[in-house]
Every structure is written in C-alpha cells, then in structure tokens.
Amino acid sequence: MPRLPKPKSQPILKVAALLAVGITLMPAAASAGEATQRHETLQERQACTPDVLRLCRSLVPDRQAITDCLAANSERLSPACHEVMAQRQ
C-alpha cells in the first residue's frame, strides 16, 4: 500500500499565531509615573489574536507596538477586540 505524503504545514503562520496569542495588548494605564503591566486574559487574547494577525503581524513580538497598532486601527477591529481595547483605555 503506497504511503500518502503528509500535508505540508505552515510553520510561519503557526509561530505567528502562537506568539500573537501570548503577547497581545499592553495596558495603557500608568501608576506613580511608571507603566503598570496587567497581563491580558485568555479571553482577551482570543478576542484580539485574529486582529493582531490580520493588522499587526509584522510587529510580533513587540507588545507595545502591537498595542499601538491595534489602537491605531480601532475602526478595523473585530467587535470583540474593539471591546477589549475600549476597556483598557
């Protein structure tokens, strides 16, 4: 019985998706002159990962650049990610 070739994976897309899931969104808040870091929740990551990959892929893994990109593209965000970004302001 002949062996069928394994389907080719898209490693770049997989890596980008994993990175984006793990690094989206920095808080915009500051406390006592220093930026406070609040890690995003799983739900926030899930809401914004498609938008990060669609709009800000070239900025991965720079968290601040991704956050700035999402804010700059607020009119193009999915409703779920738009809500996440609005809550962070």
N, C-alpha and C. Protein backbone atom coordinates (compact mmCIF):
# COMPACT_ATOMS: atom_id res chain seq x y z
N MET A 1 0.83 -1.17 0.00
CA MET A 1 0.00 0.00 0.00
C MET A 1 0.89 1.25 0.00
N PRO A 2 0.72 2.16 -0.96
CA PRO A 2 1.59 3.34 -1.03
C PRO A 2 1.27 4.32 0.10
N ARG A 3 2.32 4.97 0.55
CA ARG A 3 2.16 5.95 1.62
C ARG A 3 1.78 7.29 1.02
N LEU A 4 0.82 7.92 1.64
CA LEU A 4 0.41 9.25 1.20
C LEU A 4 1.33 10.28 1.84
N PRO A 5 1.68 11.31 1.09
CA PRO A 5 2.55 12.33 1.67
C PRO A 5 1.80 13.09 2.76
N LYS A 6 2.54 13.47 3.79
CA LYS A 6 1.94 14.26 4.86
C LYS A 6 1.65 15.66 4.33
N PRO A 7 0.53 16.25 4.75
CA PRO A 7 0.24 17.60 4.29
C PRO A 7 1.30 18.56 4.84
N LYS A 8 1.69 19.52 4.01
CA LYS A 8 2.69 20.50 4.44
C LYS A 8 2.05 21.45 5.44
N SER A 9 2.76 21.70 6.51
CA SER A 9 2.25 22.64 7.50
C SER A 9 2.75 24.04 7.14
N GLN A 10 2.17 25.00 7.75
CA GLN A 10 2.57 26.38 7.54
C GLN A 10 3.22 26.87 8.83
N PRO A 11 4.49 26.55 9.04
CA PRO A 11 5.12 26.85 10.32
C PRO A 11 5.16 28.34 10.65
N ILE A 12 5.30 29.19 9.68
CA ILE A 12 5.36 30.62 9.96
C ILE A 12 4.04 31.10 10.53
N LEU A 13 2.93 30.65 9.95
CA LEU A 13 1.62 31.03 10.47
C LEU A 13 1.41 30.49 11.87
N LYS A 14 1.82 29.26 12.11
CA LYS A 14 1.66 28.66 13.42
C LYS A 14 2.45 29.43 14.47
N VAL A 15 3.70 29.76 14.14
CA VAL A 15 4.54 30.51 15.08
C VAL A 15 3.95 31.89 15.33
N ALA A 16 3.52 32.56 14.27
CA ALA A 16 2.94 33.89 14.43
C ALA A 16 1.70 33.84 15.30
N ALA A 17 0.86 32.84 15.09
CA ALA A 17 -0.36 32.73 15.88
C ALA A 17 -0.03 32.47 17.35
N LEU A 18 0.93 31.59 17.61
CA LEU A 18 1.30 31.31 18.99
C LEU A 18 1.90 32.53 19.66
N LEU A 19 2.75 33.25 18.95
CA LEU A 19 3.33 34.46 19.52
C LEU A 19 2.28 35.52 19.79
N ALA A 20 1.39 35.70 18.84
CA ALA A 20 0.36 36.72 19.00
C ALA A 20 -0.56 36.38 20.16
N VAL A 21 -0.89 35.12 20.32
CA VAL A 21 -1.75 34.72 21.44
C VAL A 21 -1.07 35.04 22.76
N GLY A 22 0.21 34.86 22.81
CA GLY A 22 0.92 35.07 24.06
C GLY A 22 1.33 36.49 24.36
N ILE A 23 1.23 37.40 23.39
CA ILE A 23 1.81 38.72 23.62
C ILE A 23 0.94 39.91 23.29
N THR A 24 -0.32 39.74 23.07
CA THR A 24 -1.15 40.88 22.70
C THR A 24 -1.42 41.78 23.88
N LEU A 25 -1.58 43.00 23.60
CA LEU A 25 -2.12 44.02 24.49
C LEU A 25 -1.26 44.37 25.70
N MET A 26 -0.84 45.57 25.75
CA MET A 26 -0.21 46.14 26.94
C MET A 26 -1.20 47.11 27.54
N PRO A 27 -1.18 47.29 28.83
CA PRO A 27 -2.10 48.25 29.44
C PRO A 27 -1.71 49.67 29.10
N ALA A 28 -2.67 50.53 29.01
CA ALA A 28 -2.41 51.94 28.74
C ALA A 28 -2.29 52.73 30.03
N ALA A 29 -2.63 52.13 31.14
CA ALA A 29 -2.62 52.84 32.41
C ALA A 29 -1.21 53.03 32.94
N ALA A 30 -1.03 54.10 33.72
CA ALA A 30 0.24 54.34 34.39
C ALA A 30 -0.03 54.58 35.86
N SER A 31 0.90 54.16 36.70
CA SER A 31 0.74 54.33 38.14
C SER A 31 2.02 54.91 38.70
N ALA A 32 1.90 56.04 39.39
CA ALA A 32 3.04 56.71 40.02
C ALA A 32 4.17 56.95 39.04
N GLY A 33 3.80 57.34 37.81
CA GLY A 33 4.82 57.66 36.81
C GLY A 33 5.42 56.45 36.13
N GLU A 34 5.07 55.27 36.55
CA GLU A 34 5.60 54.05 35.92
C GLU A 34 4.46 53.29 35.29
N ALA A 35 4.72 52.71 34.14
CA ALA A 35 3.69 51.90 33.48
C ALA A 35 3.46 50.65 34.31
N THR A 36 2.21 50.33 34.57
CA THR A 36 1.90 49.10 35.27
C THR A 36 1.55 48.05 34.23
N GLN A 37 1.99 46.87 34.47
CA GLN A 37 1.75 45.81 33.50
C GLN A 37 0.63 44.91 34.00
N ARG A 38 -0.43 44.81 33.21
CA ARG A 38 -1.52 43.90 33.51
C ARG A 38 -1.56 42.91 32.38
N HIS A 39 -1.37 41.67 32.71
CA HIS A 39 -1.38 40.66 31.66
C HIS A 39 -2.80 40.42 31.18
N GLU A 40 -2.90 40.23 29.91
CA GLU A 40 -4.22 40.00 29.31
C GLU A 40 -4.75 38.63 29.70
N THR A 41 -6.06 38.52 29.69
CA THR A 41 -6.70 37.25 30.00
C THR A 41 -6.75 36.39 28.73
N LEU A 42 -7.04 35.14 28.92
CA LEU A 42 -7.18 34.22 27.79
C LEU A 42 -8.29 34.72 26.85
N GLN A 43 -9.39 35.21 27.43
CA GLN A 43 -10.50 35.70 26.61
C GLN A 43 -10.08 36.92 25.79
N GLU A 44 -9.28 37.81 26.39
CA GLU A 44 -8.80 38.98 25.66
C GLU A 44 -7.88 38.56 24.52
N ARG A 45 -7.00 37.61 24.80
CA ARG A 45 -6.11 37.12 23.74
C ARG A 45 -6.91 36.51 22.60
N GLN A 46 -7.90 35.69 22.95
CA GLN A 46 -8.71 35.05 21.92
C GLN A 46 -9.47 36.08 21.10
N ALA A 47 -9.92 37.15 21.75
CA ALA A 47 -10.68 38.18 21.05
C ALA A 47 -9.82 38.94 20.06
N CYS A 48 -8.55 39.17 20.40
CA CYS A 48 -7.71 40.05 19.58
C CYS A 48 -6.69 39.34 18.70
N THR A 49 -6.43 38.07 18.94
CA THR A 49 -5.42 37.37 18.13
C THR A 49 -5.70 37.45 16.63
N PRO A 50 -6.93 37.23 16.16
CA PRO A 50 -7.15 37.35 14.71
C PRO A 50 -6.84 38.75 14.18
N ASP A 51 -7.15 39.78 14.98
CA ASP A 51 -6.87 41.14 14.56
C ASP A 51 -5.37 41.41 14.55
N VAL A 52 -4.65 40.89 15.53
CA VAL A 52 -3.20 41.04 15.55
C VAL A 52 -2.61 40.41 14.30
N LEU A 53 -3.04 39.20 13.98
CA LEU A 53 -2.51 38.52 12.79
C LEU A 53 -2.89 39.23 11.50
N ARG A 54 -4.06 39.82 11.46
CA ARG A 54 -4.54 40.48 10.26
C ARG A 54 -3.93 41.87 10.09
N LEU A 55 -3.80 42.61 11.17
CA LEU A 55 -3.42 44.02 11.08
C LEU A 55 -2.00 44.33 11.53
N CYS A 56 -1.47 43.53 12.43
CA CYS A 56 -0.21 43.90 13.10
C CYS A 56 0.83 42.79 13.10
N ARG A 57 0.69 41.85 12.22
CA ARG A 57 1.56 40.66 12.19
C ARG A 57 3.04 41.02 12.16
N SER A 58 3.40 42.03 11.41
CA SER A 58 4.82 42.38 11.26
C SER A 58 5.43 42.91 12.55
N LEU A 59 4.62 43.24 13.53
CA LEU A 59 5.11 43.81 14.78
C LEU A 59 5.36 42.78 15.87
N VAL A 60 4.93 41.55 15.65
CA VAL A 60 5.15 40.48 16.62
C VAL A 60 6.65 40.26 16.74
N PRO A 61 7.20 40.24 17.93
CA PRO A 61 6.65 40.10 19.26
C PRO A 61 6.64 41.38 20.10
N ASP A 62 6.72 42.54 19.52
CA ASP A 62 6.78 43.80 20.27
C ASP A 62 5.41 44.17 20.83
N ARG A 63 5.20 43.90 22.12
CA ARG A 63 3.89 44.09 22.75
C ARG A 63 3.39 45.52 22.62
N GLN A 64 4.26 46.50 22.90
CA GLN A 64 3.83 47.89 22.84
C GLN A 64 3.46 48.28 21.41
N ALA A 65 4.24 47.83 20.44
CA ALA A 65 3.94 48.14 19.04
C ALA A 65 2.61 47.50 18.62
N ILE A 66 2.34 46.30 19.09
CA ILE A 66 1.08 45.63 18.77
C ILE A 66 -0.08 46.41 19.37
N THR A 67 0.06 46.82 20.63
CA THR A 67 -0.99 47.60 21.29
C THR A 67 -1.24 48.89 20.53
N ASP A 68 -0.16 49.58 20.16
CA ASP A 68 -0.29 50.83 19.40
C ASP A 68 -0.96 50.59 18.06
N CYS A 69 -0.60 49.50 17.41
CA CYS A 69 -1.19 49.14 16.11
C CYS A 69 -2.68 48.89 16.24
N LEU A 70 -3.07 48.13 17.26
CA LEU A 70 -4.49 47.86 17.47
C LEU A 70 -5.25 49.15 17.75
N ALA A 71 -4.66 50.03 18.57
CA ALA A 71 -5.31 51.31 18.87
C ALA A 71 -5.44 52.16 17.61
N ALA A 72 -4.41 52.17 16.79
CA ALA A 72 -4.43 52.96 15.56
C ALA A 72 -5.43 52.43 14.54
N ASN A 73 -5.75 51.16 14.65
CA ASN A 73 -6.69 50.52 13.72
C ASN A 73 -8.02 50.21 14.38
N SER A 74 -8.40 50.99 15.37
CA SER A 74 -9.60 50.67 16.16
C SER A 74 -10.85 50.54 15.30
N GLU A 75 -10.94 51.30 14.22
CA GLU A 75 -12.13 51.22 13.36
C GLU A 75 -12.15 49.93 12.54
N ARG A 76 -11.04 49.22 12.47
CA ARG A 76 -10.96 47.99 11.69
C ARG A 76 -10.98 46.73 12.56
N LEU A 77 -11.06 46.91 13.88
CA LEU A 77 -11.03 45.76 14.79
C LEU A 77 -12.36 45.02 14.78
N SER A 78 -12.27 43.74 15.09
CA SER A 78 -13.49 42.96 15.29
C SER A 78 -14.23 43.53 16.49
N PRO A 79 -15.53 43.31 16.57
CA PRO A 79 -16.28 43.83 17.73
C PRO A 79 -15.70 43.35 19.07
N ALA A 80 -15.29 42.10 19.15
CA ALA A 80 -14.77 41.56 20.40
C ALA A 80 -13.46 42.25 20.81
N CYS A 81 -12.55 42.42 19.86
CA CYS A 81 -11.29 43.07 20.17
C CYS A 81 -11.50 44.56 20.43
N HIS A 82 -12.40 45.18 19.71
CA HIS A 82 -12.71 46.59 19.94
C HIS A 82 -13.17 46.79 21.38
N GLU A 83 -13.98 45.89 21.88
CA GLU A 83 -14.45 45.97 23.27
C GLU A 83 -13.29 45.82 24.25
N VAL A 84 -12.40 44.88 23.98
CA VAL A 84 -11.23 44.68 24.85
C VAL A 84 -10.39 45.95 24.89
N MET A 85 -10.13 46.53 23.74
CA MET A 85 -9.30 47.74 23.68
C MET A 85 -10.00 48.91 24.37
N ALA A 86 -11.30 49.02 24.25
CA ALA A 86 -12.04 50.11 24.90
C ALA A 86 -11.96 49.98 26.41
N GLN A 87 -11.98 48.77 26.92
CA GLN A 87 -11.89 48.55 28.37
C GLN A 87 -10.52 48.88 28.91
N ARG A 88 -9.50 48.85 28.08
CA ARG A 88 -8.14 49.10 28.52
C ARG A 88 -7.78 50.57 28.53
N GLN A 89 -8.64 51.41 28.04
CA GLN A 89 -8.33 52.85 27.99
C GLN A 89 -8.80 53.56 29.21
